[in-house]
Amino acid sequence: MMSTEIKHERTDHLADEEAKRIAVISYITIIGMVIAFVMNNEKKFGFASYHIRQSIGLCVTGLALGVVGVVPIIGWLINILGVFVLLYMWIMALMNAINAKEKPAPILGKKYEEWFKGI
């Protein structure tokens, strides 16, 4: 009986580590997000799915900043400021994944949960 409990704990720990690894990969460029999405497609770890949704939100925000950056002067200023804010959000979200915390990215993280809940 004892050995099956230990084996079950090991399996849970390995699953947690795999979910954490997938979550961290999701924040490493758009390619990492796609790789994490594919890796998570088979087993569907809730923790990894949460961070993949946050990562998708950060990518969409980055694309929106790029579009705004096309507008002369005011768009450039918004883009420059937005890139620094986005960098802060990305670092905090990545740190949450590394520390195994299911916590939203600052500023827009709660919105990302709403917008991408179907993923």
PDB file of N, CA and C in Angstrom:
ATOM      1  N   MET A   1       0.823  -1.195   0.000  1.00  0.00           N
ATOM      2  CA  MET A   1       0.000   0.000   0.000  1.00  0.00           C
ATOM      3  C   MET A   1       0.864   1.254   0.000  1.00  0.00           C
ATOM      4  N   MET A   2       1.915   1.225   0.779  1.00  0.00           N
ATOM      5  CA  MET A   2       2.793   2.388   0.902  1.00  0.00           C
ATOM      6  C   MET A   2       3.480   2.707  -0.424  1.00  0.00           C
ATOM      7  N   SER A   3       3.918   1.687  -1.144  1.00  0.00           N
ATOM      8  CA  SER A   3       4.634   1.930  -2.402  1.00  0.00           C
ATOM      9  C   SER A   3       3.724   2.540  -3.461  1.00  0.00           C
ATOM     10  N   THR A   4       2.447   2.180  -3.477  1.00  0.00           N
ATOM     11  CA  THR A   4       1.536   2.780  -4.456  1.00  0.00           C
ATOM     12  C   THR A   4       1.286   4.248  -4.137  1.00  0.00           C
ATOM     13  N   GLU A   5       1.259   4.606  -2.838  1.00  0.00           N
ATOM     14  CA  GLU A   5       1.098   6.012  -2.466  1.00  0.00           C
ATOM     15  C   GLU A   5       2.300   6.828  -2.909  1.00  0.00           C
ATOM     16  N   ILE A   6       3.495   6.285  -2.705  1.00  0.00           N
ATOM     17  CA  ILE A   6       4.719   6.971  -3.120  1.00  0.00           C
ATOM     18  C   ILE A   6       4.753   7.107  -4.633  1.00  0.00           C
ATOM     19  N   LYS A   7       4.368   6.036  -5.334  1.00  0.00           N
ATOM     20  CA  LYS A   7       4.351   6.067  -6.795  1.00  0.00           C
ATOM     21  C   LYS A   7       3.356   7.124  -7.287  1.00  0.00           C
ATOM     22  N   HIS A   8       2.188   7.205  -6.631  1.00  0.00           N
ATOM     23  CA  HIS A   8       1.174   8.191  -7.006  1.00  0.00           C
ATOM     24  C   HIS A   8       1.695   9.610  -6.772  1.00  0.00           C
ATOM     25  N   GLU A   9       2.389   9.831  -5.651  1.00  0.00           N
ATOM     26  CA  GLU A   9       2.963  11.146  -5.368  1.00  0.00           C
ATOM     27  C   GLU A   9       4.007  11.523  -6.409  1.00  0.00           C
ATOM     28  N   ARG A  10       4.840  10.553  -6.811  1.00  0.00           N
ATOM     29  CA  ARG A  10       5.856  10.809  -7.839  1.00  0.00           C
ATOM     30  C   ARG A  10       5.205  11.181  -9.163  1.00  0.00           C
ATOM     31  N   THR A  11       4.151  10.455  -9.517  1.00  0.00           N
ATOM     32  CA  THR A  11       3.444  10.734 -10.766  1.00  0.00           C
ATOM     33  C   THR A  11       2.846  12.140 -10.730  1.00  0.00           C
ATOM     34  N   ASP A  12       2.228  12.504  -9.596  1.00  0.00           N
ATOM     35  CA  ASP A  12       1.672  13.852  -9.459  1.00  0.00           C
ATOM     36  C   ASP A  12       2.763  14.911  -9.576  1.00  0.00           C
ATOM     37  N   HIS A  13       3.900  14.661  -8.937  1.00  0.00           N
ATOM     38  CA  HIS A  13       5.011  15.618  -8.982  1.00  0.00           C
ATOM     39  C   HIS A  13       5.522  15.783 -10.415  1.00  0.00           C
ATOM     40  N   LEU A  14       5.651  14.664 -11.142  1.00  0.00           N
ATOM     41  CA  LEU A  14       6.116  14.740 -12.533  1.00  0.00           C
ATOM     42  C   LEU A  14       5.115  15.493 -13.404  1.00  0.00           C
ATOM     43  N   ALA A  15       3.830  15.261 -13.170  1.00  0.00           N
ATOM     44  CA  ALA A  15       2.797  15.977 -13.929  1.00  0.00           C
ATOM     45  C   ALA A  15       2.858  17.472 -13.620  1.00  0.00           C
ATOM     46  N   ASP A  16       3.052  17.814 -12.341  1.00  0.00           N
ATOM     47  CA  ASP A  16       3.177  19.224 -11.961  1.00  0.00           C
ATOM     48  C   ASP A  16       4.387  19.866 -12.622  1.00  0.00           C
ATOM     49  N   GLU A  17       5.492  19.149 -12.661  1.00  0.00           N
ATOM     50  CA  GLU A  17       6.709  19.669 -13.294  1.00  0.00           C
ATOM     51  C   GLU A  17       6.506  19.854 -14.796  1.00  0.00           C
ATOM     52  N   GLU A  18       5.813  18.900 -15.427  1.00  0.00           N
ATOM     53  CA  GLU A  18       5.557  19.017 -16.869  1.00  0.00           C
ATOM     54  C   GLU A  18       4.647  20.216 -17.156  1.00  0.00           C
ATOM     55  N   ALA A  19       3.620  20.399 -16.334  1.00  0.00           N
ATOM     56  CA  ALA A  19       2.722  21.548 -16.499  1.00  0.00           C
ATOM     57  C   ALA A  19       3.487  22.855 -16.318  1.00  0.00           C
ATOM     58  N   LYS A  20       4.372  22.893 -15.335  1.00  0.00           N
ATOM     59  CA  LYS A  20       5.181  24.091 -15.087  1.00  0.00           C
ATOM     60  C   LYS A  20       6.110  24.365 -16.268  1.00  0.00           C
ATOM     61  N   ARG A  21       6.718  23.310 -16.805  1.00  0.00           N
ATOM     62  CA  ARG A  21       7.621  23.455 -17.950  1.00  0.00           C
ATOM     63  C   ARG A  21       6.857  24.002 -19.163  1.00  0.00           C
ATOM     64  N   ILE A  22       5.667  23.471 -19.408  1.00  0.00           N
ATOM     65  CA  ILE A  22       4.844  23.945 -20.524  1.00  0.00           C
ATOM     66  C   ILE A  22       4.466  25.411 -20.315  1.00  0.00           C
ATOM     67  N   ALA A  23       4.103  25.763 -19.076  1.00  0.00           N
ATOM     68  CA  ALA A  23       3.725  27.151 -18.768  1.00  0.00           C
ATOM     69  C   ALA A  23       4.878  28.108 -19.041  1.00  0.00           C
ATOM     70  N   VAL A  24       6.081  27.735 -18.634  1.00  0.00           N
ATOM     71  CA  VAL A  24       7.253  28.598 -18.855  1.00  0.00           C
ATOM     72  C   VAL A  24       7.547  28.719 -20.346  1.00  0.00           C
ATOM     73  N   ILE A  25       7.468  27.613 -21.076  1.00  0.00           N
ATOM     74  CA  ILE A  25       7.727  27.626 -22.524  1.00  0.00           C
ATOM     75  C   ILE A  25       6.751  28.563 -23.238  1.00  0.00           C
ATOM     76  N   SER A  26       5.520  28.647 -22.739  1.00  0.00           N
ATOM     77  CA  SER A  26       4.506  29.476 -23.410  1.00  0.00           C
ATOM     78  C   SER A  26       4.877  30.954 -23.452  1.00  0.00           C
ATOM     79  N   TYR A  27       5.752  31.395 -22.553  1.00  0.00           N
ATOM     80  CA  TYR A  27       6.143  32.805 -22.519  1.00  0.00           C
ATOM     81  C   TYR A  27       7.384  33.105 -23.353  1.00  0.00           C
ATOM     82  N   ILE A  28       7.964  32.102 -23.990  1.00  0.00           N
ATOM     83  CA  ILE A  28       9.198  32.311 -24.751  1.00  0.00           C
ATOM     84  C   ILE A  28       8.840  32.463 -26.229  1.00  0.00           C
ATOM     85  N   THR A  29       8.598  33.643 -26.654  1.00  0.00           N
ATOM     86  CA  THR A  29       8.219  34.047 -28.016  1.00  0.00           C
ATOM     87  C   THR A  29       6.913  33.394 -28.473  1.00  0.00           C
ATOM     88  N   ILE A  30       6.464  33.800 -29.620  1.00  0.00           N
ATOM     89  CA  ILE A  30       5.239  33.233 -30.190  1.00  0.00           C
ATOM     90  C   ILE A  30       5.453  31.759 -30.522  1.00  0.00           C
ATOM     91  N   ILE A  31       6.636  31.412 -30.964  1.00  0.00           N
ATOM     92  CA  ILE A  31       6.939  30.011 -31.278  1.00  0.00           C
ATOM     93  C   ILE A  31       6.816  29.157 -30.024  1.00  0.00           C
ATOM     94  N   GLY A  32       7.321  29.651 -28.902  1.00  0.00           N
ATOM     95  CA  GLY A  32       7.199  28.934 -27.633  1.00  0.00           C
ATOM     96  C   GLY A  32       5.748  28.747 -27.234  1.00  0.00           C
ATOM     97  N   MET A  33       4.931  29.765 -27.490  1.00  0.00           N
ATOM     98  CA  MET A  33       3.515  29.667 -27.175  1.00  0.00           C
ATOM     99  C   MET A  33       2.856  28.563 -28.006  1.00  0.00           C
ATOM    100  N   VAL A  34       3.188  28.492 -29.285  1.00  0.00           N
ATOM    101  CA  VAL A  34       2.632  27.455 -30.159  1.00  0.00           C
ATOM    102  C   VAL A  34       3.100  26.075 -29.698  1.00  0.00           C
ATOM    103  N   ILE A  35       4.383  25.947 -29.373  1.00  0.00           N
ATOM    104  CA  ILE A  35       4.921  24.671 -28.888  1.00  0.00           C
ATOM    105  C   ILE A  35       4.210  24.260 -27.601  1.00  0.00           C
ATOM    106  N   ALA A  36       4.035  25.200 -26.673  1.00  0.00           N
ATOM    107  CA  ALA A  36       3.354  24.905 -25.409  1.00  0.00           C
ATOM    108  C   ALA A  36       1.908  24.487 -25.663  1.00  0.00           C
ATOM    109  N   PHE A  37       1.250  25.154 -26.598  1.00  0.00           N
ATOM    110  CA  PHE A  37      -0.136  24.820 -26.939  1.00  0.00           C
ATOM    111  C   PHE A  37      -0.224  23.382 -27.444  1.00  0.00           C
ATOM    112  N   VAL A  38       0.694  22.993 -28.319  1.00  0.00           N
ATOM    113  CA  VAL A  38       0.716  21.631 -28.863  1.00  0.00           C
ATOM    114  C   VAL A  38       1.050  20.622 -27.762  1.00  0.00           C
ATOM    115  N   MET A  39       2.041  20.941 -26.929  1.00  0.00           N
ATOM    116  CA  MET A  39       2.429  20.036 -25.837  1.00  0.00           C
ATOM    117  C   MET A  39       1.276  19.837 -24.850  1.00  0.00           C
ATOM    118  N   ASN A  40       0.493  20.872 -24.624  1.00  0.00           N
ATOM    119  CA  ASN A  40      -0.598  20.799 -23.651  1.00  0.00           C
ATOM    120  C   ASN A  40      -1.867  20.205 -24.251  1.00  0.00           C
ATOM    121  N   ASN A  41      -1.915  20.063 -25.546  1.00  0.00           N
ATOM    122  CA  ASN A  41      -3.107  19.558 -26.220  1.00  0.00           C
ATOM    123  C   ASN A  41      -3.433  18.123 -25.825  1.00  0.00           C
ATOM    124  N   GLU A  42      -2.401  17.336 -25.546  1.00  0.00           N
ATOM    125  CA  GLU A  42      -2.598  15.918 -25.248  1.00  0.00           C
ATOM    126  C   GLU A  42      -3.177  15.688 -23.853  1.00  0.00           C
ATOM    127  N   LYS A  43      -2.546  16.278 -22.830  1.00  0.00           N
ATOM    128  CA  LYS A  43      -2.946  15.995 -21.446  1.00  0.00           C
ATOM    129  C   LYS A  43      -3.810  17.084 -20.822  1.00  0.00           C
ATOM    130  N   LYS A  44      -3.799  18.276 -21.365  1.00  0.00           N
ATOM    131  CA  LYS A  44      -4.596  19.408 -20.872  1.00  0.00           C
ATOM    132  C   LYS A  44      -4.379  19.679 -19.381  1.00  0.00           C
ATOM    133  N   PHE A  45      -3.197  20.150 -19.040  1.00  0.00           N
ATOM    134  CA  PHE A  45      -2.917  20.587 -17.674  1.00  0.00           C
ATOM    135  C   PHE A  45      -3.577  21.942 -17.461  1.00  0.00           C
ATOM    136  N   GLY A  46      -4.363  22.072 -16.411  1.00  0.00           N
ATOM    137  CA  GLY A  46      -5.050  23.329 -16.121  1.00  0.00           C
ATOM    138  C   GLY A  46      -4.085  24.485 -15.902  1.00  0.00           C
ATOM    139  N   PHE A  47      -3.004  24.215 -15.167  1.00  0.00           N
ATOM    140  CA  PHE A  47      -2.003  25.244 -14.882  1.00  0.00           C
ATOM    141  C   PHE A  47      -1.358  25.745 -16.172  1.00  0.00           C
ATOM    142  N   ALA A  48      -0.986  24.823 -17.043  1.00  0.00           N
ATOM    143  CA  ALA A  48      -0.356  25.198 -18.311  1.00  0.00           C
ATOM    144  C   ALA A  48      -1.346  25.948 -19.201  1.00  0.00           C
ATOM    145  N   SER A  49      -2.585  25.487 -19.250  1.00  0.00           N
ATOM    146  CA  SER A  49      -3.607  26.166 -20.058  1.00  0.00           C
ATOM    147  C   SER A  49      -3.804  27.602 -19.603  1.00  0.00           C
ATOM    148  N   TYR A  50      -3.806  27.798 -18.294  1.00  0.00           N
ATOM    149  CA  TYR A  50      -3.959  29.143 -17.734  1.00  0.00           C
ATOM    150  C   TYR A  50      -2.851  30.063 -18.246  1.00  0.00           C
ATOM    151  N   HIS A  51      -1.611  29.596 -18.179  1.00  0.00           N
ATOM    152  CA  HIS A  51      -0.489  30.437 -18.600  1.00  0.00           C
ATOM    153  C   HIS A  51      -0.417  30.583 -20.120  1.00  0.00           C
ATOM    154  N   ILE A  52      -0.882  29.599 -20.850  1.00  0.00           N
ATOM    155  CA  ILE A  52      -0.956  29.740 -22.311  1.00  0.00           C
ATOM    156  C   ILE A  52      -1.948  30.853 -22.658  1.00  0.00           C
ATOM    157  N   ARG A  53      -3.080  30.901 -21.951  1.00  0.00           N
ATOM    158  CA  ARG A  53      -4.054  31.986 -22.185  1.00  0.00           C
ATOM    159  C   ARG A  53      -3.445  33.346 -21.861  1.00  0.00           C
ATOM    160  N   GLN A  54      -2.703  33.429 -20.770  1.00  0.00           N
ATOM    161  CA  GLN A  54      -2.041  34.687 -20.414  1.00  0.00           C
ATOM    162  C   GLN A  54      -1.030  35.078 -21.500  1.00  0.00           C
ATOM    163  N   SER A  55      -0.295  34.101 -22.007  1.00  0.00           N
ATOM    164  CA  SER A  55       0.702  34.353 -23.045  1.00  0.00           C
ATOM    165  C   SER A  55       0.046  34.827 -24.343  1.00  0.00           C
ATOM    166  N   ILE A  56      -1.073  34.215 -24.695  1.00  0.00           N
ATOM    167  CA  ILE A  56      -1.811  34.650 -25.886  1.00  0.00           C
ATOM    168  C   ILE A  56      -2.245  36.106 -25.712  1.00  0.00           C
ATOM    169  N   GLY A  57      -2.726  36.445 -24.528  1.00  0.00           N
ATOM    170  CA  GLY A  57      -3.125  37.825 -24.247  1.00  0.00           C
ATOM    171  C   GLY A  57      -1.977  38.797 -24.407  1.00  0.00           C
ATOM    172  N   LEU A  58      -0.808  38.426 -23.900  1.00  0.00           N
ATOM    173  CA  LEU A  58       0.366  39.290 -24.041  1.00  0.00           C
ATOM    174  C   LEU A  58       0.752  39.458 -25.511  1.00  0.00           C
ATOM    175  N   CYS A  59       0.656  38.378 -26.290  1.00  0.00           N
ATOM    176  CA  CYS A  59       0.978  38.466 -27.726  1.00  0.00           C
ATOM    177  C   CYS A  59      -0.012  39.367 -28.459  1.00  0.00           C
ATOM    178  N   VAL A  60      -1.285  39.223 -28.152  1.00  0.00           N
ATOM    179  CA  VAL A  60      -2.306  40.064 -28.786  1.00  0.00           C
ATOM    180  C   VAL A  60      -2.084  41.530 -28.411  1.00  0.00           C
ATOM    181  N   THR A  61      -1.733  41.780 -27.152  1.00  0.00           N
ATOM    182  CA  THR A  61      -1.443  43.147 -26.713  1.00  0.00           C
ATOM    183  C   THR A  61      -0.244  43.710 -27.471  1.00  0.00           C
ATOM    184  N   GLY A  62       0.782  42.885 -27.661  1.00  0.00           N
ATOM    185  CA  GLY A  62       1.955  43.310 -28.429  1.00  0.00           C
ATOM    186  C   GLY A  62       1.604  43.633 -29.870  1.00  0.00           C
ATOM    187  N   LEU A  63       0.750  42.810 -30.476  1.00  0.00           N
ATOM    188  CA  LEU A  63       0.313  43.082 -31.851  1.00  0.00           C
ATOM    189  C   LEU A  63      -0.489  44.382 -31.921  1.00  0.00           C
ATOM    190  N   ALA A  64      -1.360  44.606 -30.936  1.00  0.00           N
ATOM    191  CA  ALA A  64      -2.140  45.852 -30.898  1.00  0.00           C
ATOM    192  C   ALA A  64      -1.222  47.063 -30.762  1.00  0.00           C
ATOM    193  N   LEU A  65      -0.189  46.934 -29.937  1.00  0.00           N
ATOM    194  CA  LEU A  65       0.781  48.033 -29.812  1.00  0.00           C
ATOM    195  C   LEU A  65       1.487  48.293 -31.139  1.00  0.00           C
ATOM    196  N   GLY A  66       1.780  47.232 -31.870  1.00  0.00           N
ATOM    197  CA  GLY A  66       2.411  47.385 -33.177  1.00  0.00           C
ATOM    198  C   GLY A  66       1.529  48.139 -34.150  1.00  0.00           C
ATOM    199  N   VAL A  67       0.240  47.852 -34.117  1.00  0.00           N
ATOM    200  CA  VAL A  67      -0.709  48.542 -34.992  1.00  0.00           C
ATOM    201  C   VAL A  67      -0.801  50.016 -34.604  1.00  0.00           C
ATOM    202  N   VAL A  68      -0.891  50.293 -33.305  1.00  0.00           N
ATOM    203  CA  VAL A  68      -0.957  51.681 -32.829  1.00  0.00           C
ATOM    204  C   VAL A  68       0.327  52.426 -33.183  1.00  0.00           C
ATOM    205  N   GLY A  69       1.447  51.734 -33.176  1.00  0.00           N
ATOM    206  CA  GLY A  69       2.736  52.347 -33.474  1.00  0.00           C
ATOM    207  C   GLY A  69       2.873  52.859 -34.892  1.00  0.00           C
ATOM    208  N   VAL A  70       1.953  52.491 -35.761  1.00  0.00           N
ATOM    209  CA  VAL A  70       1.981  52.959 -37.148  1.00  0.00           C
ATOM    210  C   VAL A  70       1.543  54.422 -37.233  1.00  0.00           C
ATOM    211  N   VAL A  71       0.720  54.845 -36.296  1.00  0.00           N
ATOM    212  CA  VAL A  71       0.223  56.227 -36.285  1.00  0.00           C
ATOM    213  C   VAL A  71       1.375  57.167 -35.917  1.00  0.00           C
ATOM    214  N   PRO A  72       1.635  58.168 -36.745  1.00  0.00           N
ATOM    215  CA  PRO A  72       2.757  59.081 -36.460  1.00  0.00           C
ATOM    216  C   PRO A  72       2.609  59.820 -35.128  1.00  0.00           C
ATOM    217  N   ILE A  73       3.683  60.085 -34.517  1.00  0.00           N
ATOM    218  CA  ILE A  73       3.914  60.845 -33.285  1.00  0.00           C
ATOM    219  C   ILE A  73       3.178  60.259 -32.075  1.00  0.00           C
ATOM    220  N   ILE A  74       1.864  60.431 -31.966  1.00  0.00           N
ATOM    221  CA  ILE A  74       1.150  59.936 -30.781  1.00  0.00           C
ATOM    222  C   ILE A  74       1.212  58.408 -30.709  1.00  0.00           C
ATOM    223  N   GLY A  75       1.091  57.760 -31.844  1.00  0.00           N
ATOM    224  CA  GLY A  75       1.194  56.304 -31.891  1.00  0.00           C
ATOM    225  C   GLY A  75       2.571  55.823 -31.486  1.00  0.00           C
ATOM    226  N   TRP A  76       3.585  56.552 -31.914  1.00  0.00           N
ATOM    227  CA  TRP A  76       4.958  56.184 -31.555  1.00  0.00           C
ATOM    228  C   TRP A  76       5.166  56.290 -30.053  1.00  0.00           C
ATOM    229  N   LEU A  77       4.637  57.377 -29.468  1.00  0.00           N
ATOM    230  CA  LEU A  77       4.772  57.573 -28.021  1.00  0.00           C
ATOM    231  C   LEU A  77       4.038  56.480 -27.238  1.00  0.00           C
ATOM    232  N   ILE A  78       2.817  56.182 -27.670  1.00  0.00           N
ATOM    233  CA  ILE A  78       2.041  55.118 -27.020  1.00  0.00           C
ATOM    234  C   ILE A  78       2.765  53.789 -27.163  1.00  0.00           C
ATOM    235  N   ASN A  79       3.324  53.542 -28.344  1.00  0.00           N
ATOM    236  CA  ASN A  79       4.043  52.295 -28.590  1.00  0.00           C
ATOM    237  C   ASN A  79       5.256  52.167 -27.677  1.00  0.00           C
ATOM    238  N   ILE A  80       6.043  53.213 -27.565  1.00  0.00           N
ATOM    239  CA  ILE A  80       7.250  53.165 -26.727  1.00  0.00           C
ATOM    240  C   ILE A  80       6.878  52.907 -25.270  1.00  0.00           C
ATOM    241  N   LEU A  81       5.912  53.650 -24.750  1.00  0.00           N
ATOM    242  CA  LEU A  81       5.465  53.448 -23.375  1.00  0.00           C
ATOM    243  C   LEU A  81       4.861  52.050 -23.208  1.00  0.00           C
ATOM    244  N   GLY A  82       4.038  51.660 -24.171  1.00  0.00           N
ATOM    245  CA  GLY A  82       3.375  50.355 -24.127  1.00  0.00           C
ATOM    246  C   GLY A  82       4.335  49.188 -24.129  1.00  0.00           C
ATOM    247  N   VAL A  83       5.430  49.317 -24.862  1.00  0.00           N
ATOM    248  CA  VAL A  83       6.425  48.238 -24.902  1.00  0.00           C
ATOM    249  C   VAL A  83       7.038  48.025 -23.524  1.00  0.00           C
ATOM    250  N   PHE A  84       7.314  49.107 -22.805  1.00  0.00           N
ATOM    251  CA  PHE A  84       7.871  48.966 -21.454  1.00  0.00           C
ATOM    252  C   PHE A  84       6.851  48.346 -20.491  1.00  0.00           C
ATOM    253  N   VAL A  85       5.598  48.757 -20.618  1.00  0.00           N
ATOM    254  CA  VAL A  85       4.543  48.178 -19.782  1.00  0.00           C
ATOM    255  C   VAL A  85       4.365  46.700 -20.124  1.00  0.00           C
ATOM    256  N   LEU A  86       4.373  46.381 -21.410  1.00  0.00           N
ATOM    257  CA  LEU A  86       4.242  44.991 -21.849  1.00  0.00           C
ATOM    258  C   LEU A  86       5.412  44.145 -21.349  1.00  0.00           C
ATOM    259  N   LEU A  87       6.607  44.689 -21.382  1.00  0.00           N
ATOM    260  CA  LEU A  87       7.778  43.975 -20.867  1.00  0.00           C
ATOM    261  C   LEU A  87       7.611  43.670 -19.381  1.00  0.00           C
ATOM    262  N   TYR A  88       7.131  44.648 -18.618  1.00  0.00           N
ATOM    263  CA  TYR A  88       6.873  44.436 -17.189  1.00  0.00           C
ATOM    264  C   TYR A  88       5.835  43.328 -16.990  1.00  0.00           C
ATOM    265  N   MET A  89       4.737  43.382 -17.751  1.00  0.00           N
ATOM    266  CA  MET A  89       3.685  42.368 -17.640  1.00  0.00           C
ATOM    267  C   MET A  89       4.227  40.986 -17.979  1.00  0.00           C
ATOM    268  N   TRP A  90       5.045  40.900 -19.021  1.00  0.00           N
ATOM    269  CA  TRP A  90       5.615  39.627 -19.455  1.00  0.00           C
ATOM    270  C   TRP A  90       6.537  39.049 -18.384  1.00  0.00           C
ATOM    271  N   ILE A  91       7.399  39.882 -17.809  1.00  0.00           N
ATOM    272  CA  ILE A  91       8.324  39.413 -16.768  1.00  0.00           C
ATOM    273  C   ILE A  91       7.542  38.899 -15.561  1.00  0.00           C
ATOM    274  N   MET A  92       6.530  39.628 -15.140  1.00  0.00           N
ATOM    275  CA  MET A  92       5.741  39.206 -13.978  1.00  0.00           C
ATOM    276  C   MET A  92       4.992  37.901 -14.263  1.00  0.00           C
ATOM    277  N   ALA A  93       4.425  37.766 -15.456  1.00  0.00           N
ATOM    278  CA  ALA A  93       3.713  36.539 -15.816  1.00  0.00           C
ATOM    279  C   ALA A  93       4.677  35.357 -15.887  1.00  0.00           C
ATOM    280  N   LEU A  94       5.852  35.574 -16.456  1.00  0.00           N
ATOM    281  CA  LEU A  94       6.863  34.517 -16.522  1.00  0.00           C
ATOM    282  C   LEU A  94       7.292  34.097 -15.119  1.00  0.00           C
ATOM    283  N   MET A  95       7.481  35.059 -14.233  1.00  0.00           N
ATOM    284  CA  MET A  95       7.864  34.740 -12.849  1.00  0.00           C
ATOM    285  C   MET A  95       6.764  33.940 -12.144  1.00  0.00           C
ATOM    286  N   ASN A  96       5.513  34.258 -12.434  1.00  0.00           N
ATOM    287  CA  ASN A  96       4.408  33.476 -11.866  1.00  0.00           C
ATOM    288  C   ASN A  96       4.463  32.031 -12.343  1.00  0.00           C
ATOM    289  N   ALA A  97       4.757  31.818 -13.618  1.00  0.00           N
ATOM    290  CA  ALA A  97       4.863  30.457 -14.144  1.00  0.00           C
ATOM    291  C   ALA A  97       6.044  29.722 -13.519  1.00  0.00           C
ATOM    292  N   ILE A  98       7.187  30.384 -13.416  1.00  0.00           N
ATOM    293  CA  ILE A  98       8.378  29.767 -12.826  1.00  0.00           C
ATOM    294  C   ILE A  98       8.125  29.387 -11.368  1.00  0.00           C
ATOM    295  N   ASN A  99       7.402  30.241 -10.643  1.00  0.00           N
ATOM    296  CA  ASN A  99       7.119  29.994  -9.222  1.00  0.00           C
ATOM    297  C   ASN A  99       5.854  29.167  -8.999  1.00  0.00           C
ATOM    298  N   ALA A 100       5.307  28.606 -10.075  1.00  0.00           N
ATOM    299  CA  ALA A 100       4.121  27.738 -10.026  1.00  0.00           C
ATOM    300  C   ALA A 100       2.910  28.441  -9.407  1.00  0.00           C
ATOM    301  N   LYS A 101       2.718  29.699  -9.764  1.00  0.00           N
ATOM    302  CA  LYS A 101       1.569  30.468  -9.282  1.00  0.00           C
ATOM    303  C   LYS A 101       0.592  30.689 -10.431  1.00  0.00           C
ATOM    304  N   GLU A 102      -0.653  30.417 -10.181  1.00  0.00           N
ATOM    305  CA  GLU A 102      -1.692  30.669 -11.179  1.00  0.00           C
ATOM    306  C   GLU A 102      -2.275  32.053 -10.888  1.00  0.00           C
ATOM    307  N   LYS A 103      -1.504  33.058 -11.235  1.00  0.00           N
ATOM    308  CA  LYS A 103      -1.829  34.448 -10.934  1.00  0.00           C
ATOM    309  C   LYS A 103      -1.819  35.231 -12.245  1.00  0.00           C
ATOM    310  N   PRO A 104      -2.806  36.114 -12.463  1.00  0.00           N
ATOM    311  CA  PRO A 104      -2.857  36.836 -13.739  1.00  0.00           C
ATOM    312  C   PRO A 104      -1.715  37.834 -13.904  1.00  0.00           C
ATOM    313  N   ALA A 105      -1.395  38.102 -15.145  1.00  0.00           N
ATOM    314  CA  ALA A 105      -0.408  39.139 -15.457  1.00  0.00           C
ATOM    315  C   ALA A 105      -0.957  40.473 -14.957  1.00  0.00           C
ATOM    316  N   PRO A 106      -0.079  41.375 -14.537  1.00  0.00           N
ATOM    317  CA  PRO A 106      -0.561  42.676 -14.055  1.00  0.00           C
ATOM    318  C   PRO A 106      -1.304  43.447 -15.149  1.00  0.00           C
ATOM    319  N   ILE A 107      -2.173  44.298 -14.756  1.00  0.00           N
ATOM    320  CA  ILE A 107      -2.929  45.241 -15.580  1.00  0.00           C
ATOM    321  C   ILE A 107      -4.037  44.550 -16.390  1.00  0.00           C
ATOM    322  N   LEU A 108      -3.705  43.721 -17.367  1.00  0.00           N
ATOM    323  CA  LEU A 108      -4.717  43.121 -18.245  1.00  0.00           C
ATOM    324  C   LEU A 108      -4.948  41.629 -18.018  1.00  0.00           C
ATOM    325  N   GLY A 109      -4.265  41.028 -17.079  1.00  0.00           N
ATOM    326  CA  GLY A 109      -4.356  39.578 -16.862  1.00  0.00           C
ATOM    327  C   GLY A 109      -5.765  39.070 -16.622  1.00  0.00           C
ATOM    328  N   LYS A 110      -6.551  39.803 -15.849  1.00  0.00           N
ATOM    329  CA  LYS A 110      -7.947  39.397 -15.586  1.00  0.00           C
ATOM    330  C   LYS A 110      -8.765  39.426 -16.880  1.00  0.00           C
ATOM    331  N   LYS A 111      -8.502  40.425 -17.721  1.00  0.00           N
ATOM    332  CA  LYS A 111      -9.202  40.510 -19.012  1.00  0.00           C
ATOM    333  C   LYS A 111      -8.804  39.339 -19.911  1.00  0.00           C
ATOM    334  N   TYR A 112      -7.521  38.974 -19.884  1.00  0.00           N
ATOM    335  CA  TYR A 112      -7.073  37.827 -20.678  1.00  0.00           C
ATOM    336  C   TYR A 112      -7.834  36.571 -20.266  1.00  0.00           C
ATOM    337  N   GLU A 113      -8.090  36.408 -18.969  1.00  0.00           N
ATOM    338  CA  GLU A 113      -8.851  35.253 -18.483  1.00  0.00           C
ATOM    339  C   GLU A 113     -10.242  35.235 -19.104  1.00  0.00           C
ATOM    340  N   GLU A 114     -10.884  36.391 -19.171  1.00  0.00           N
ATOM    341  CA  GLU A 114     -12.224  36.494 -19.761  1.00  0.00           C
ATOM    342  C   GLU A 114     -12.188  36.250 -21.267  1.00  0.00           C
ATOM    343  N   TRP A 115     -11.293  36.950 -21.947  1.00  0.00           N
ATOM    344  CA  TRP A 115     -11.251  36.914 -23.405  1.00  0.00           C
ATOM    345  C   TRP A 115     -10.877  35.546 -23.963  1.00  0.00           C
ATOM    346  N   PHE A 116     -10.017  34.825 -23.283  1.00  0.00           N
ATOM    347  CA  PHE A 116      -9.496  33.568 -23.828  1.00  0.00           C
ATOM    348  C   PHE A 116      -9.907  32.353 -23.006  1.00  0.00           C
ATOM    349  N   LYS A 117     -11.043  32.432 -22.302  1.00  0.00           N
ATOM    350  CA  LYS A 117     -11.452  31.323 -21.441  1.00  0.00           C
ATOM    351  C   LYS A 117     -11.787  30.056 -22.229  1.00  0.00           C
ATOM    352  N   GLY A 118     -12.101  30.169 -23.495  1.00  0.00           N
ATOM    353  CA  GLY A 118     -12.427  29.004 -24.314  1.00  0.00           C
ATOM    354  C   GLY A 118     -11.218  28.213 -24.784  1.00  0.00           C
ATOM    355  N   ILE A 119     -10.032  28.713 -24.514  1.00  0.00           N
ATOM    356  CA  ILE A 119      -8.808  28.047 -24.993  1.00  0.00           C
ATOM    357  C   ILE A 119      -8.275  27.130 -23.924  1.00  0.00           C
TER     358      ILE A 119
END
